[in-house]
Every structure is written in C-alpha cells, then in structure tokens.
Protein backbone atom coordinates (compact mmCIF):
# COMPACT_ATOMS: atom_id res chain seq x y z
CA MET A 1 28.26 52.25 30.48
CA HIS A 2 27.12 49.77 28.00
CA ARG A 3 23.29 49.20 28.67
CA LYS A 4 21.10 46.25 27.56
CA TYR A 5 17.69 44.86 28.36
CA GLU A 6 16.84 42.00 30.81
CA PRO A 7 13.27 40.85 30.93
CA LEU A 8 12.24 40.50 34.50
CA ILE A 9 8.68 38.57 34.90
CA SER A 10 5.70 40.75 35.35
CA PRO A 11 4.66 40.96 39.15
CA SER A 12 0.98 39.89 38.08
CA PHE A 13 -0.92 38.55 35.13
CA SER A 14 -4.49 39.01 34.15
CA PRO A 15 -7.04 36.41 35.04
CA LYS A 16 -7.44 35.62 31.14
CA PHE A 17 -3.62 35.16 30.96
CA GLU A 18 -3.47 32.82 33.81
CA LYS A 19 -6.58 30.82 32.66
CA THR A 20 -4.92 30.52 29.40
CA ARG A 21 -1.99 28.87 30.99
CA ARG A 22 -3.91 26.63 33.14
CA ASN A 23 -5.65 25.37 30.05
CA GLU A 24 -2.45 24.83 28.16
CA ILE A 25 -1.22 22.57 31.11
CA GLN A 26 -4.46 20.52 30.97
CA ARG A 27 -3.94 20.10 27.38
CA PHE A 28 -0.46 19.13 27.56
CA ILE A 29 -1.36 16.37 30.25
CA ARG A 30 -4.27 15.20 28.43
CA ASN A 31 -2.07 14.55 25.37
CA GLY A 32 0.37 12.47 27.03
CA GLY A 33 2.56 15.13 28.70
CA GLU A 34 4.04 14.58 32.13
CA ILE A 35 5.55 17.15 34.52
CA LYS A 36 8.39 16.36 36.98
CA CYS A 37 10.73 18.12 39.30
CA ILE A 38 13.93 19.00 38.00
CA SER A 39 15.30 17.16 41.40
CA GLN A 40 14.04 13.82 40.21
CA LEU A 41 16.61 14.00 37.47
CA SER A 42 20.53 13.36 37.55
CA ASP A 43 23.09 15.70 36.71
CA LYS A 44 23.74 13.71 33.66
CA GLU A 45 20.15 13.64 32.62
CA ILE A 46 19.79 17.23 33.04
CA SER A 47 22.95 18.04 31.18
CA SER A 48 22.33 15.62 28.16
CA SER A 49 18.54 16.57 27.92
CA TYR A 50 19.28 20.28 28.23
CA ILE A 51 21.91 20.14 25.30
CA SER A 52 19.97 17.90 23.17
CA LEU A 53 16.85 20.05 23.38
CA PHE A 54 18.86 23.42 23.04
CA HIS A 55 20.21 21.91 19.82
CA SER A 56 16.69 20.95 18.71
CA ARG A 57 15.33 24.30 19.60
CA PHE A 58 18.05 26.62 18.15
CA GLY A 59 19.90 24.45 15.63
CA GLY A 60 23.10 26.23 15.01
CA THR A 61 21.93 29.77 15.64
CA LEU A 62 23.10 30.01 19.21
CA PRO A 63 26.06 28.29 20.75
CA CYS A 64 25.28 25.82 23.35
CA TYR A 65 27.37 24.67 26.43
CA GLU A 66 29.76 21.82 26.03
CA TYR A 67 28.66 18.73 27.93
CA ASP A 68 31.38 18.40 30.50
CA ASN A 69 31.13 22.10 31.26
CA LEU A 70 27.30 22.11 31.79
CA LEU A 71 27.57 18.85 33.88
CA MET A 72 30.33 20.37 36.21
CA PHE A 73 28.15 23.62 36.54
CA ILE A 74 25.25 21.71 37.55
CA SER A 75 27.01 19.25 39.88
CA HIS A 76 28.35 22.34 41.76
CA LEU A 77 25.32 24.45 41.75
CA ARG A 78 22.68 21.71 42.14
CA GLU A 79 21.41 23.13 45.51
CA LEU A 80 20.38 26.09 43.59
CA MET A 81 18.38 24.43 40.80
CA PHE A 82 14.59 24.76 40.55
CA GLY A 83 11.63 24.14 38.57
CA HIS A 84 10.30 21.41 36.40
CA VAL A 85 11.11 19.28 33.35
CA LEU A 86 8.49 18.47 30.83
CA PHE A 87 8.19 14.99 29.29
CA TRP A 88 6.27 13.80 26.23
CA ASP A 89 6.26 10.38 24.62
CA ASN A 90 8.43 9.21 27.70
CA LYS A 91 11.10 11.75 26.73
CA PRO A 92 12.17 15.15 27.89
CA CYS A 93 10.61 17.73 25.74
CA ALA A 94 11.05 21.08 27.62
CA ILE A 95 13.71 22.10 30.32
CA ASP A 96 14.94 25.31 31.78
CA ILE A 97 17.93 25.78 34.08
CA VAL A 98 16.49 27.97 36.50
CA LEU A 99 18.86 29.02 39.21
CA LYS A 100 17.45 30.41 42.67
CA SER A 101 19.13 32.43 45.05
CA GLU A 102 17.65 33.74 48.28
CA SER A 103 18.28 36.66 50.77
CA SER A 104 16.34 37.71 53.81
CA CYS A 105 13.83 39.73 51.52
CA ASN A 106 14.07 38.75 48.10
CA VAL A 107 14.48 35.38 45.91
CA TYR A 108 16.15 36.04 42.68
CA TYR A 109 15.45 33.36 39.79
CA ASP A 110 17.68 33.35 36.52
CA VAL A 111 16.90 31.44 33.50
CA PRO A 112 19.45 31.42 30.55
CA ASN A 113 17.85 30.12 27.28
CA GLY A 114 15.15 27.36 27.63
CA ALA A 115 15.47 24.22 25.71
CA VAL A 116 12.56 22.69 23.90
CA LEU A 117 11.90 19.90 21.52
CA ASN A 118 11.29 21.28 18.08
CA ASP A 119 8.83 18.71 16.95
CA GLU A 120 5.76 19.73 15.03
CA ASN A 121 3.27 17.48 17.14
CA CYS A 122 5.17 18.30 20.40
CA MET A 123 4.96 22.34 19.81
CA LYS A 124 1.39 22.16 19.27
CA LEU A 125 1.23 21.47 22.97
CA SER A 126 3.20 24.80 24.02
CA PRO A 127 5.66 22.94 26.04
CA GLY A 128 7.78 26.18 26.39
CA SER A 129 4.73 28.24 27.63
CA VAL A 130 3.62 25.25 29.98
CA LEU A 131 7.16 25.00 31.42
CA MET A 132 7.56 28.85 31.81
CA TRP A 133 4.08 29.06 33.76
CA LEU A 134 4.70 26.06 35.97
CA ASN A 135 8.19 27.32 36.89
CA ILE A 136 6.81 31.06 37.39
CA ASP A 137 3.81 29.91 39.28
CA LYS A 138 5.75 27.91 41.72
CA ALA A 139 8.25 30.67 42.19
CA ARG A 140 5.49 33.11 42.94
CA ARG A 141 3.87 30.67 45.36
CA TYR A 142 7.18 30.05 47.14
CA CYS A 143 7.76 34.01 47.43
CA GLN A 144 3.92 34.46 48.64
CA ASP A 145 4.41 31.69 51.28
CA ASN A 146 7.68 33.27 52.53
CA ASN A 147 6.80 36.99 52.28
CA LYS A 148 9.67 37.75 49.89
CA LYS A 149 9.83 39.72 46.86
CA MET A 150 10.39 37.78 43.61
CA ILE A 151 13.05 38.81 40.92
CA TYR A 152 12.78 36.63 37.87
CA SER A 153 14.79 37.17 35.02
CA ILE A 154 14.37 35.11 31.80
CA GLY A 155 17.59 35.96 30.10
CA ALA A 156 18.69 38.39 27.61
CA PHE A 157 16.13 40.17 25.41
CA ARG A 158 16.69 40.45 21.59
CA PRO A 159 14.39 41.77 19.20
CA GLU A 160 13.61 38.45 17.53
CA TRP A 161 12.37 37.16 21.03
CA LYS A 162 9.25 39.37 21.35
CA TYR A 163 7.37 36.41 23.02
CA LYS A 164 9.22 37.41 26.06
CA LEU A 165 6.94 40.67 26.31
CA LEU A 166 4.14 38.42 27.02
CA TRP A 167 5.69 37.27 30.33
CA SER A 168 7.95 40.11 31.30
CA VAL A 169 9.00 43.93 31.56
CA PRO A 170 12.32 44.71 29.84
CA CYS A 171 14.46 46.55 32.34
CA LYS A 172 17.76 48.35 31.67
CA VAL A 173 20.75 46.67 33.18
CA GLY A 174 24.37 47.86 32.83
CA LYS A 175 27.74 47.36 34.54
CA CYS A 176 28.99 49.96 37.05
CA LEU A 177 32.73 50.36 37.44
CA CYS A 178 33.80 51.53 40.81
C-alpha cells in the first residue's frame, strides 16, 4: 500500500487564531477587497479566473487544468461547488474550487490547489488566508446547523507547503485493493 498524507482541517481553532482571521477579513475589505459567493460567477468566469490565478500563484512549477477540461468539469459538477471568490481592484484575486458532498451524517469538502493573485500589494492583504477562513467558517456553520460532521480536505501535503499545518492535521491516506 502506498501511503501519503492528506491535510484535514482541524476540528477547532484557538480564539486567537480565529480573531486573527477575522482581522484579516476586515483589513482585506477596508483595502478595497470584495467577497462574492462562487455561485455568482458563471462556469466560464470560474474556469478562466482559476486558471489565470493558478498560473499567477505557481508559475510553471505545477501543471494546471486545461481550460476546456476545467469548464466541462465545473459545468457537470456545478451543484457540488461551494464557497467564495475574492475580488481586489474589481478583479478576482483568490479562488478555490471547493467541492461539497453530503451524506446523512457527514459533509465532505475537497479543495485541490487554490489559486491566488501573486501581486505584492494584493499579497499584503493575505487573500489566500482570507479565502481559506471564509470557506472553512461557512462549512463549519453549515455542519453545526445541520448536526453533521465536517471532513474538509485541503489537498495534498508536500514538505514545501508547511503553511497547511496552520489549518490542518495531516492524516495518512492510502489505497485499499480488494
């Protein structure tokens, strides 16, 4: 069995951590940031924004989805999409493709790599952290209101992505062959 780690969002955060996140949101908004629900964007807007911001964030270090493939994926799974998109200077600056699947007792959220504008002035406003917190907080409230367990994965864990440890607990995952 091949094992790897998948970071799952911590079940709770310290009051200090939560206050820091709320302050980041307020700073983002005070400096011209805007928060929109992902449902306000068209499939084409989501696809083009994600690809543009992904390339801005990662350059050529990670392969990105091709536009037509991502557009088809989003159009077929639109009802599973969840969360927010951040705008700064009237343009998207952070987007996560969060997929939500629900059972009678659990809600599973899955986030592949997020996409963030790699602009010095924008990065001072922590758009990645703001977006992550908004989406996590919305998911937590939904699960609490519906008396369900939240399972929220933030993608793969690599040693160079240590920031994920602020938000999550790495859990071993593997494949089971039957």
